[in-house]
Amino acid sequence: MDAQVIAVAVGATHAFTKPLQASIRLIAGEGVEGDAHRGVTVKHRSRVAVDPTQPNLRQVHLIHAELFEELAPKGFTVGPGHLGENVTTRGVDLLGLPEGTHLAVGGAVIAVTGLRNPCAQIDGLAPGLMAALLDRAPDGGIIRKSGVMGIVLEGGVIRPGDPIAVTLPPPPHRRLERV
């Protein structure tokens, strides 16, 4: 299957889940129109408390729908928008992308900045879900499965069914870290 958008969501408040939409508009350098995390500087509340002037590397949150299928046998019913993502994808290994990968999605281009770090609020959706979104690599490092974050390079409209074109940055590739 080719990479594509499964669902899009936007949340005007800092609520955990985001309502699904027929389309979302991305604004270059800012994020998703109408979303609480839109802005040039960081909007994530815990990061604002530390330094409200730091750049917003979390303008757009993307999650792969394959994660929901991985969680289902563990007893978790999770779907698009439930984990606060703006774009739900299928057919692209988001977690395996290197930093700086460009995703051409609908009429927009997103640069992947890093991994989303799951927070304790996730257990409010379902007890134990946060632990299910974390794993250990063979070297003992933490694997974060709750999607990737990005910045908007080119604005445009994104809709379910839109194809996703992946352009890797030039080597050497840098592994995604949490942002």
N, C-alpha and C. Protein backbone atom coordinates (compact mmCIF):
# COMPACT_ATOMS: atom_id res chain seq x y z
N MET A 1 0.85 -1.18 0.00
CA MET A 1 0.00 0.00 0.00
C MET A 1 0.89 1.24 0.00
N ASP A 2 0.54 2.21 -0.79
CA ASP A 2 1.25 3.47 -0.79
C ASP A 2 0.94 4.24 0.48
N ALA A 3 1.89 5.09 0.88
CA ALA A 3 1.69 5.90 2.08
C ALA A 3 0.57 6.90 1.84
N GLN A 4 -0.31 7.01 2.83
CA GLN A 4 -1.42 7.95 2.70
C GLN A 4 -1.92 8.42 4.06
N VAL A 5 -2.72 9.47 4.01
CA VAL A 5 -3.36 10.02 5.20
C VAL A 5 -4.64 9.24 5.45
N ILE A 6 -4.84 8.80 6.68
CA ILE A 6 -6.05 8.07 7.08
C ILE A 6 -7.06 9.03 7.70
N ALA A 7 -6.57 9.98 8.52
CA ALA A 7 -7.46 10.91 9.20
C ALA A 7 -6.69 12.18 9.56
N VAL A 8 -7.42 13.27 9.77
CA VAL A 8 -6.82 14.53 10.22
C VAL A 8 -7.66 15.07 11.37
N ALA A 9 -7.00 15.79 12.28
CA ALA A 9 -7.67 16.29 13.47
C ALA A 9 -7.04 17.61 13.91
N VAL A 10 -7.83 18.40 14.60
CA VAL A 10 -7.35 19.68 15.14
C VAL A 10 -8.06 19.91 16.47
N GLY A 11 -7.31 20.48 17.43
CA GLY A 11 -7.89 20.79 18.73
C GLY A 11 -7.55 22.21 19.14
N ALA A 12 -8.56 23.02 19.37
CA ALA A 12 -8.35 24.43 19.72
C ALA A 12 -7.90 24.61 21.16
N THR A 13 -8.08 23.59 22.00
CA THR A 13 -7.67 23.69 23.40
C THR A 13 -6.61 22.63 23.68
N HIS A 14 -6.06 22.67 24.86
CA HIS A 14 -5.04 21.70 25.24
C HIS A 14 -5.66 20.42 25.80
N ALA A 15 -6.80 20.02 25.25
CA ALA A 15 -7.40 18.72 25.60
C ALA A 15 -6.53 17.63 25.00
N PHE A 16 -6.63 16.43 25.56
CA PHE A 16 -5.73 15.36 25.12
C PHE A 16 -6.08 14.84 23.73
N THR A 17 -7.35 14.54 23.47
CA THR A 17 -7.74 14.04 22.16
C THR A 17 -8.14 15.21 21.27
N LYS A 18 -8.13 14.97 19.96
CA LYS A 18 -8.49 16.02 19.00
C LYS A 18 -9.62 15.50 18.11
N PRO A 19 -10.62 16.34 17.85
CA PRO A 19 -11.72 15.91 16.99
C PRO A 19 -11.29 15.78 15.53
N LEU A 20 -11.81 14.75 14.88
CA LEU A 20 -11.51 14.52 13.47
C LEU A 20 -12.17 15.58 12.60
N GLN A 21 -11.54 15.86 11.48
CA GLN A 21 -12.02 16.89 10.55
C GLN A 21 -12.03 16.31 9.13
N ALA A 22 -12.75 16.97 8.24
CA ALA A 22 -12.73 16.60 6.83
C ALA A 22 -11.43 17.04 6.17
N SER A 23 -10.82 18.11 6.72
CA SER A 23 -9.53 18.60 6.22
C SER A 23 -8.93 19.50 7.29
N ILE A 24 -7.61 19.71 7.20
CA ILE A 24 -6.93 20.69 8.05
C ILE A 24 -6.04 21.53 7.15
N ARG A 25 -5.79 22.75 7.59
CA ARG A 25 -4.90 23.66 6.85
C ARG A 25 -3.64 23.87 7.67
N LEU A 26 -2.49 23.61 7.03
CA LEU A 26 -1.21 23.86 7.66
C LEU A 26 -0.70 25.23 7.21
N ILE A 27 -0.14 25.96 8.17
CA ILE A 27 0.39 27.30 7.92
C ILE A 27 1.91 27.22 8.04
N ALA A 28 2.63 27.63 7.00
CA ALA A 28 4.10 27.55 6.99
C ALA A 28 4.69 28.26 8.20
N GLY A 29 5.59 27.56 8.89
CA GLY A 29 6.29 28.12 10.02
C GLY A 29 5.50 28.19 11.31
N GLU A 30 4.23 27.75 11.27
CA GLU A 30 3.38 27.89 12.45
C GLU A 30 2.72 26.59 12.90
N GLY A 31 2.16 25.82 11.97
CA GLY A 31 1.48 24.60 12.34
C GLY A 31 0.09 24.51 11.77
N VAL A 32 -0.80 23.85 12.51
CA VAL A 32 -2.15 23.56 12.05
C VAL A 32 -3.09 24.70 12.45
N GLU A 33 -3.75 25.27 11.45
CA GLU A 33 -4.70 26.35 11.70
C GLU A 33 -5.76 25.89 12.71
N GLY A 34 -5.97 26.71 13.75
CA GLY A 34 -6.98 26.40 14.76
C GLY A 34 -6.52 25.46 15.86
N ASP A 35 -5.27 24.98 15.80
CA ASP A 35 -4.78 24.03 16.80
C ASP A 35 -4.10 24.77 17.95
N ALA A 36 -4.25 24.27 19.16
CA ALA A 36 -3.65 24.89 20.35
C ALA A 36 -2.12 24.90 20.29
N HIS A 37 -1.52 24.01 19.51
CA HIS A 37 -0.05 23.93 19.43
C HIS A 37 0.54 24.74 18.28
N ARG A 38 -0.29 25.50 17.58
CA ARG A 38 0.19 26.31 16.46
C ARG A 38 1.00 27.50 16.99
N GLY A 39 2.14 27.74 16.37
CA GLY A 39 2.93 28.92 16.72
C GLY A 39 4.39 28.74 16.38
N VAL A 40 5.06 29.85 16.27
CA VAL A 40 6.50 29.86 15.98
C VAL A 40 7.29 29.40 17.20
N THR A 41 6.82 29.80 18.40
CA THR A 41 7.46 29.36 19.63
C THR A 41 6.64 28.24 20.25
N VAL A 42 7.26 27.47 21.11
CA VAL A 42 6.67 26.28 21.71
C VAL A 42 5.34 26.60 22.39
N LYS A 43 4.38 25.69 22.26
CA LYS A 43 3.05 25.84 22.86
C LYS A 43 2.73 24.72 23.85
N HIS A 44 3.54 23.68 23.87
CA HIS A 44 3.32 22.57 24.80
C HIS A 44 3.51 23.12 26.21
N ARG A 45 2.50 22.97 27.05
CA ARG A 45 2.48 23.67 28.34
C ARG A 45 3.70 23.42 29.21
N SER A 46 4.18 22.19 29.30
CA SER A 46 5.34 21.93 30.16
C SER A 46 6.59 22.60 29.61
N ARG A 47 6.70 22.71 28.30
CA ARG A 47 7.86 23.36 27.70
C ARG A 47 7.78 24.87 27.80
N VAL A 48 6.57 25.41 27.72
CA VAL A 48 6.37 26.86 27.89
C VAL A 48 6.81 27.25 29.30
N ALA A 49 6.51 26.41 30.29
CA ALA A 49 6.89 26.71 31.68
C ALA A 49 8.40 26.80 31.84
N VAL A 50 9.15 26.04 31.06
CA VAL A 50 10.62 26.04 31.14
C VAL A 50 11.20 27.23 30.37
N ASP A 51 10.75 27.42 29.13
CA ASP A 51 11.27 28.51 28.29
C ASP A 51 10.29 28.79 27.15
N PRO A 52 9.44 29.81 27.31
CA PRO A 52 8.43 30.08 26.28
C PRO A 52 9.01 30.64 24.97
N THR A 53 10.29 30.93 24.93
CA THR A 53 10.89 31.50 23.71
C THR A 53 11.51 30.44 22.80
N GLN A 54 11.57 29.18 23.25
CA GLN A 54 12.20 28.15 22.41
C GLN A 54 11.36 27.89 21.16
N PRO A 55 12.02 27.54 20.05
CA PRO A 55 11.27 27.31 18.81
C PRO A 55 10.32 26.13 18.94
N ASN A 56 9.22 26.21 18.23
CA ASN A 56 8.21 25.16 18.25
C ASN A 56 8.57 24.09 17.23
N LEU A 57 9.15 23.01 17.71
CA LEU A 57 9.50 21.87 16.85
C LEU A 57 8.37 20.86 16.82
N ARG A 58 7.24 21.21 17.44
CA ARG A 58 6.09 20.31 17.59
C ARG A 58 4.84 20.93 16.98
N GLN A 59 4.97 21.51 15.80
CA GLN A 59 3.84 22.17 15.14
C GLN A 59 2.80 21.19 14.63
N VAL A 60 3.25 20.02 14.22
CA VAL A 60 2.35 18.99 13.67
C VAL A 60 2.72 17.65 14.29
N HIS A 61 1.71 16.91 14.75
CA HIS A 61 1.92 15.58 15.33
C HIS A 61 1.34 14.54 14.38
N LEU A 62 2.17 13.58 13.98
CA LEU A 62 1.74 12.50 13.09
C LEU A 62 1.88 11.16 13.81
N ILE A 63 0.89 10.30 13.63
CA ILE A 63 0.93 8.94 14.17
C ILE A 63 0.55 7.97 13.06
N HIS A 64 1.18 6.81 13.10
CA HIS A 64 0.89 5.74 12.13
C HIS A 64 -0.27 4.88 12.64
N ALA A 65 -1.24 4.63 11.76
CA ALA A 65 -2.41 3.83 12.12
C ALA A 65 -2.03 2.41 12.51
N GLU A 66 -0.90 1.94 12.03
CA GLU A 66 -0.43 0.60 12.38
C GLU A 66 -0.25 0.45 13.90
N LEU A 67 0.02 1.58 14.59
CA LEU A 67 0.16 1.55 16.05
C LEU A 67 -1.15 1.11 16.70
N PHE A 68 -2.27 1.58 16.19
CA PHE A 68 -3.57 1.22 16.77
C PHE A 68 -3.79 -0.29 16.66
N GLU A 69 -3.36 -0.86 15.54
CA GLU A 69 -3.50 -2.31 15.34
C GLU A 69 -2.57 -3.09 16.26
N GLU A 70 -1.42 -2.52 16.57
CA GLU A 70 -0.48 -3.14 17.52
C GLU A 70 -1.05 -3.13 18.93
N LEU A 71 -1.77 -2.07 19.27
CA LEU A 71 -2.32 -1.91 20.62
C LEU A 71 -3.59 -2.73 20.86
N ALA A 72 -4.36 -3.01 19.81
CA ALA A 72 -5.64 -3.70 19.95
C ALA A 72 -5.52 -5.05 20.66
N PRO A 73 -4.58 -5.93 20.28
CA PRO A 73 -4.49 -7.23 20.97
C PRO A 73 -4.09 -7.10 22.45
N LYS A 74 -3.57 -5.92 22.81
CA LYS A 74 -3.20 -5.68 24.21
C LYS A 74 -4.37 -5.10 25.01
N GLY A 75 -5.54 -4.99 24.33
CA GLY A 75 -6.74 -4.54 25.01
C GLY A 75 -7.02 -3.04 24.93
N PHE A 76 -6.30 -2.33 24.08
CA PHE A 76 -6.50 -0.89 23.96
C PHE A 76 -7.26 -0.56 22.68
N THR A 77 -8.35 0.18 22.83
CA THR A 77 -9.12 0.64 21.68
C THR A 77 -8.74 2.09 21.45
N VAL A 78 -7.86 2.30 20.48
CA VAL A 78 -7.35 3.63 20.18
C VAL A 78 -7.53 3.86 18.68
N GLY A 79 -7.95 5.06 18.32
CA GLY A 79 -8.15 5.38 16.92
C GLY A 79 -7.66 6.78 16.61
N PRO A 80 -7.84 7.20 15.38
CA PRO A 80 -7.39 8.53 14.96
C PRO A 80 -7.90 9.65 15.87
N GLY A 81 -6.99 10.54 16.22
CA GLY A 81 -7.29 11.68 17.07
C GLY A 81 -7.23 11.40 18.56
N HIS A 82 -7.30 10.14 18.95
CA HIS A 82 -7.33 9.78 20.38
C HIS A 82 -6.05 10.17 21.12
N LEU A 83 -4.91 10.10 20.45
CA LEU A 83 -3.62 10.40 21.10
C LEU A 83 -3.16 11.82 20.83
N GLY A 84 -4.06 12.66 20.33
CA GLY A 84 -3.76 14.07 20.15
C GLY A 84 -3.03 14.40 18.86
N GLU A 85 -2.99 13.44 17.94
CA GLU A 85 -2.29 13.70 16.68
C GLU A 85 -3.15 14.52 15.72
N ASN A 86 -2.45 15.24 14.84
CA ASN A 86 -3.11 16.01 13.79
C ASN A 86 -3.30 15.19 12.53
N VAL A 87 -2.35 14.28 12.24
CA VAL A 87 -2.38 13.51 11.00
C VAL A 87 -2.13 12.04 11.34
N THR A 88 -3.07 11.18 10.94
CA THR A 88 -2.90 9.74 11.08
C THR A 88 -2.53 9.19 9.71
N THR A 89 -1.44 8.42 9.67
CA THR A 89 -0.91 7.91 8.40
C THR A 89 -1.03 6.39 8.33
N ARG A 90 -0.83 5.88 7.13
CA ARG A 90 -0.69 4.43 6.93
C ARG A 90 0.31 4.23 5.81
N GLY A 91 1.18 3.23 6.00
CA GLY A 91 2.10 2.85 4.94
C GLY A 91 3.45 3.56 4.94
N VAL A 92 3.74 4.31 5.99
CA VAL A 92 5.07 4.94 6.10
C VAL A 92 5.58 4.69 7.52
N ASP A 93 6.83 4.24 7.62
CA ASP A 93 7.45 3.95 8.91
C ASP A 93 7.91 5.26 9.54
N LEU A 94 6.98 5.97 10.16
CA LEU A 94 7.30 7.27 10.74
C LEU A 94 8.44 7.19 11.74
N LEU A 95 8.42 6.18 12.61
CA LEU A 95 9.42 6.08 13.67
C LEU A 95 10.81 5.76 13.13
N GLY A 96 10.89 5.21 11.94
CA GLY A 96 12.17 4.86 11.34
C GLY A 96 12.77 5.95 10.47
N LEU A 97 12.06 7.06 10.32
CA LEU A 97 12.57 8.15 9.48
C LEU A 97 13.71 8.89 10.18
N PRO A 98 14.66 9.40 9.43
CA PRO A 98 15.69 10.23 10.05
C PRO A 98 15.20 11.66 10.25
N GLU A 99 15.83 12.35 11.18
CA GLU A 99 15.53 13.76 11.41
C GLU A 99 15.72 14.54 10.11
N GLY A 100 14.80 15.47 9.85
CA GLY A 100 14.90 16.30 8.65
C GLY A 100 14.23 15.72 7.43
N THR A 101 13.62 14.54 7.56
CA THR A 101 12.86 13.98 6.44
C THR A 101 11.71 14.92 6.09
N HIS A 102 11.48 15.09 4.79
CA HIS A 102 10.36 15.91 4.32
C HIS A 102 9.22 15.00 3.91
N LEU A 103 8.03 15.34 4.37
CA LEU A 103 6.82 14.62 4.01
C LEU A 103 5.93 15.57 3.22
N ALA A 104 5.74 15.28 1.93
CA ALA A 104 4.82 16.05 1.10
C ALA A 104 3.46 15.39 1.28
N VAL A 105 2.54 16.12 1.90
CA VAL A 105 1.24 15.58 2.26
C VAL A 105 0.17 16.53 1.76
N GLY A 106 -0.68 16.04 0.86
CA GLY A 106 -1.68 16.93 0.29
C GLY A 106 -0.97 18.11 -0.33
N GLY A 107 -1.33 19.31 0.06
CA GLY A 107 -0.68 20.51 -0.47
C GLY A 107 0.40 21.06 0.43
N ALA A 108 0.82 20.33 1.45
CA ALA A 108 1.77 20.84 2.44
C ALA A 108 3.06 20.02 2.44
N VAL A 109 4.11 20.60 3.03
CA VAL A 109 5.36 19.88 3.26
C VAL A 109 5.73 20.05 4.73
N ILE A 110 5.98 18.92 5.39
CA ILE A 110 6.33 18.88 6.81
C ILE A 110 7.75 18.33 6.92
N ALA A 111 8.58 18.97 7.76
CA ALA A 111 9.91 18.45 8.08
C ALA A 111 9.82 17.76 9.43
N VAL A 112 10.22 16.49 9.48
CA VAL A 112 10.16 15.72 10.72
C VAL A 112 11.29 16.20 11.64
N THR A 113 10.92 16.58 12.87
CA THR A 113 11.89 17.11 13.82
C THR A 113 12.27 16.11 14.90
N GLY A 114 11.39 15.17 15.24
CA GLY A 114 11.72 14.22 16.29
C GLY A 114 10.53 13.40 16.72
N LEU A 115 10.75 12.64 17.78
CA LEU A 115 9.74 11.75 18.33
C LEU A 115 8.88 12.46 19.36
N ARG A 116 7.62 12.09 19.40
CA ARG A 116 6.77 12.57 20.48
C ARG A 116 7.09 11.76 21.71
N ASN A 117 7.25 12.43 22.81
CA ASN A 117 7.50 11.76 24.08
C ASN A 117 6.15 11.56 24.77
N PRO A 118 5.70 10.31 24.95
CA PRO A 118 4.40 10.12 25.59
C PRO A 118 4.42 10.63 27.03
N CYS A 119 3.30 11.19 27.46
CA CYS A 119 3.22 11.73 28.82
C CYS A 119 2.16 10.97 29.62
N ALA A 120 2.14 11.22 30.90
CA ALA A 120 1.24 10.50 31.81
C ALA A 120 -0.23 10.72 31.47
N GLN A 121 -0.58 11.79 30.76
CA GLN A 121 -1.97 12.03 30.38
C GLN A 121 -2.53 10.88 29.56
N ILE A 122 -1.66 10.15 28.88
CA ILE A 122 -2.10 9.04 28.03
C ILE A 122 -2.85 7.99 28.87
N ASP A 123 -2.42 7.80 30.11
CA ASP A 123 -3.11 6.82 30.96
C ASP A 123 -4.51 7.28 31.34
N GLY A 124 -4.84 8.56 31.15
CA GLY A 124 -6.19 9.04 31.36
C GLY A 124 -7.14 8.51 30.30
N LEU A 125 -6.59 8.23 29.12
CA LEU A 125 -7.38 7.65 28.04
C LEU A 125 -7.66 6.18 28.33
N ALA A 126 -6.62 5.47 28.80
CA ALA A 126 -6.75 4.06 29.17
C ALA A 126 -5.59 3.71 30.09
N PRO A 127 -5.86 3.24 31.32
CA PRO A 127 -4.78 2.88 32.23
C PRO A 127 -3.84 1.85 31.59
N GLY A 128 -2.53 2.13 31.71
CA GLY A 128 -1.52 1.23 31.15
C GLY A 128 -1.13 1.55 29.72
N LEU A 129 -1.84 2.49 29.09
CA LEU A 129 -1.54 2.81 27.68
C LEU A 129 -0.16 3.43 27.51
N MET A 130 0.24 4.27 28.46
CA MET A 130 1.57 4.89 28.33
C MET A 130 2.66 3.82 28.30
N ALA A 131 2.58 2.84 29.16
CA ALA A 131 3.57 1.77 29.17
C ALA A 131 3.56 0.99 27.85
N ALA A 132 2.37 0.85 27.25
CA ALA A 132 2.27 0.13 25.98
C ALA A 132 2.88 0.92 24.83
N LEU A 133 3.03 2.24 25.01
CA LEU A 133 3.62 3.09 23.98
C LEU A 133 5.12 3.25 24.13
N LEU A 134 5.68 2.57 25.12
CA LEU A 134 7.13 2.59 25.33
C LEU A 134 7.65 1.17 25.26
N ASP A 135 8.86 1.02 24.78
CA ASP A 135 9.49 -0.29 24.70
C ASP A 135 10.98 -0.10 24.95
N ARG A 136 11.71 -1.19 25.00
CA ARG A 136 13.16 -1.13 25.18
C ARG A 136 13.86 -1.70 23.96
N ALA A 137 14.86 -0.98 23.49
CA ALA A 137 15.70 -1.45 22.39
C ALA A 137 16.70 -2.45 22.94
N PRO A 138 17.32 -3.26 22.08
CA PRO A 138 18.31 -4.23 22.55
C PRO A 138 19.46 -3.58 23.34
N ASP A 139 19.77 -2.32 23.03
CA ASP A 139 20.84 -1.63 23.76
C ASP A 139 20.35 -1.00 25.06
N GLY A 140 19.06 -1.20 25.40
CA GLY A 140 18.51 -0.66 26.63
C GLY A 140 17.85 0.69 26.48
N GLY A 141 18.00 1.32 25.33
CA GLY A 141 17.38 2.63 25.10
C GLY A 141 15.88 2.53 25.01
N ILE A 142 15.22 3.64 25.26
CA ILE A 142 13.76 3.69 25.22
C ILE A 142 13.29 3.88 23.78
N ILE A 143 12.29 3.08 23.40
CA ILE A 143 11.63 3.24 22.10
C ILE A 143 10.30 3.92 22.36
N ARG A 144 10.13 5.09 21.76
CA ARG A 144 8.89 5.86 21.89
C ARG A 144 8.05 5.60 20.65
N LYS A 145 6.83 5.08 20.85
CA LYS A 145 6.00 4.67 19.72
C LYS A 145 4.87 5.64 19.41
N SER A 146 4.78 6.76 20.13
CA SER A 146 3.60 7.62 20.02
C SER A 146 3.70 8.68 18.93
N GLY A 147 4.40 8.37 17.86
CA GLY A 147 4.40 9.24 16.69
C GLY A 147 5.58 10.18 16.61
N VAL A 148 5.53 11.02 15.58
CA VAL A 148 6.61 11.97 15.32
C VAL A 148 6.03 13.39 15.27
N MET A 149 6.93 14.33 15.46
CA MET A 149 6.56 15.74 15.42
C MET A 149 7.26 16.38 14.23
N GLY A 150 6.70 17.49 13.76
CA GLY A 150 7.30 18.16 12.63
C GLY A 150 6.97 19.64 12.60
N ILE A 151 7.64 20.34 11.70
CA ILE A 151 7.36 21.74 11.45
C ILE A 151 6.85 21.87 10.02
N VAL A 152 6.08 22.91 9.78
CA VAL A 152 5.48 23.12 8.47
C VAL A 152 6.41 23.98 7.62
N LEU A 153 6.94 23.38 6.54
CA LEU A 153 7.79 24.12 5.61
C LEU A 153 6.97 24.84 4.56
N GLU A 154 5.94 24.16 4.06
CA GLU A 154 5.03 24.74 3.06
C GLU A 154 3.61 24.46 3.51
N GLY A 155 2.82 25.52 3.59
CA GLY A 155 1.44 25.37 4.02
C GLY A 155 0.57 24.77 2.94
N GLY A 156 -0.58 24.27 3.36
CA GLY A 156 -1.54 23.70 2.42
C GLY A 156 -2.59 22.92 3.16
N VAL A 157 -3.52 22.38 2.42
CA VAL A 157 -4.63 21.61 2.99
C VAL A 157 -4.32 20.12 2.90
N ILE A 158 -4.67 19.41 3.98
CA ILE A 158 -4.48 17.95 4.04
C ILE A 158 -5.84 17.32 4.32
N ARG A 159 -6.13 16.23 3.59
CA ARG A 159 -7.39 15.51 3.74
C ARG A 159 -7.12 14.00 3.83
N PRO A 160 -8.02 13.26 4.47
CA PRO A 160 -7.91 11.81 4.43
C PRO A 160 -7.86 11.33 2.97
N GLY A 161 -7.01 10.35 2.72
CA GLY A 161 -6.84 9.82 1.37
C GLY A 161 -5.69 10.46 0.62
N ASP A 162 -5.18 11.60 1.10
CA ASP A 162 -4.04 12.24 0.42
C ASP A 162 -2.82 11.33 0.47
N PRO A 163 -2.07 11.26 -0.63
CA PRO A 163 -0.83 10.48 -0.62
C PRO A 163 0.25 11.22 0.17
N ILE A 164 1.23 10.45 0.63
CA ILE A 164 2.37 11.01 1.36
C ILE A 164 3.63 10.62 0.59
N ALA A 165 4.41 11.62 0.19
CA ALA A 165 5.69 11.38 -0.47
C ALA A 165 6.80 11.68 0.53
N VAL A 166 7.72 10.74 0.66
CA VAL A 166 8.81 10.84 1.64
C VAL A 166 10.10 11.19 0.91
N THR A 167 10.77 12.26 1.38
CA THR A 167 12.09 12.64 0.85
C THR A 167 13.07 12.66 2.00
N LEU A 168 14.02 11.74 1.96
CA LEU A 168 15.03 11.65 3.02
C LEU A 168 16.05 12.76 2.88
N PRO A 169 16.60 13.22 4.00
CA PRO A 169 17.66 14.23 3.93
C PRO A 169 18.94 13.59 3.42
N PRO A 170 19.91 14.40 3.01
CA PRO A 170 21.18 13.81 2.60
C PRO A 170 21.87 13.13 3.79
N PRO A 171 22.65 12.08 3.53
CA PRO A 171 23.38 11.43 4.63
C PRO A 171 24.48 12.36 5.15
N PRO A 172 24.96 12.16 6.34
CA PRO A 172 24.57 11.07 7.25
C PRO A 172 23.23 11.37 7.90
N HIS A 173 22.44 10.32 8.08
CA HIS A 173 21.13 10.46 8.69
C HIS A 173 21.25 10.46 10.21
N ARG A 174 20.45 11.32 10.84
CA ARG A 174 20.40 11.39 12.30
C ARG A 174 19.12 10.73 12.77
N ARG A 175 19.28 9.80 13.67
CA ARG A 175 18.15 9.09 14.27
C ARG A 175 17.26 10.08 15.02
N LEU A 176 15.96 9.86 14.96
CA LEU A 176 15.02 10.73 15.68
C LEU A 176 15.21 10.61 17.19
N GLU A 177 15.20 11.76 17.84
CA GLU A 177 15.23 11.85 19.29
C GLU A 177 13.94 12.52 19.73
N ARG A 178 13.61 12.50 20.99
CA ARG A 178 12.39 13.14 21.46
C ARG A 178 12.53 14.66 21.37
N VAL A 179 11.43 15.30 21.03
CA VAL A 179 11.40 16.77 20.99
C VAL A 179 10.24 17.28 21.84
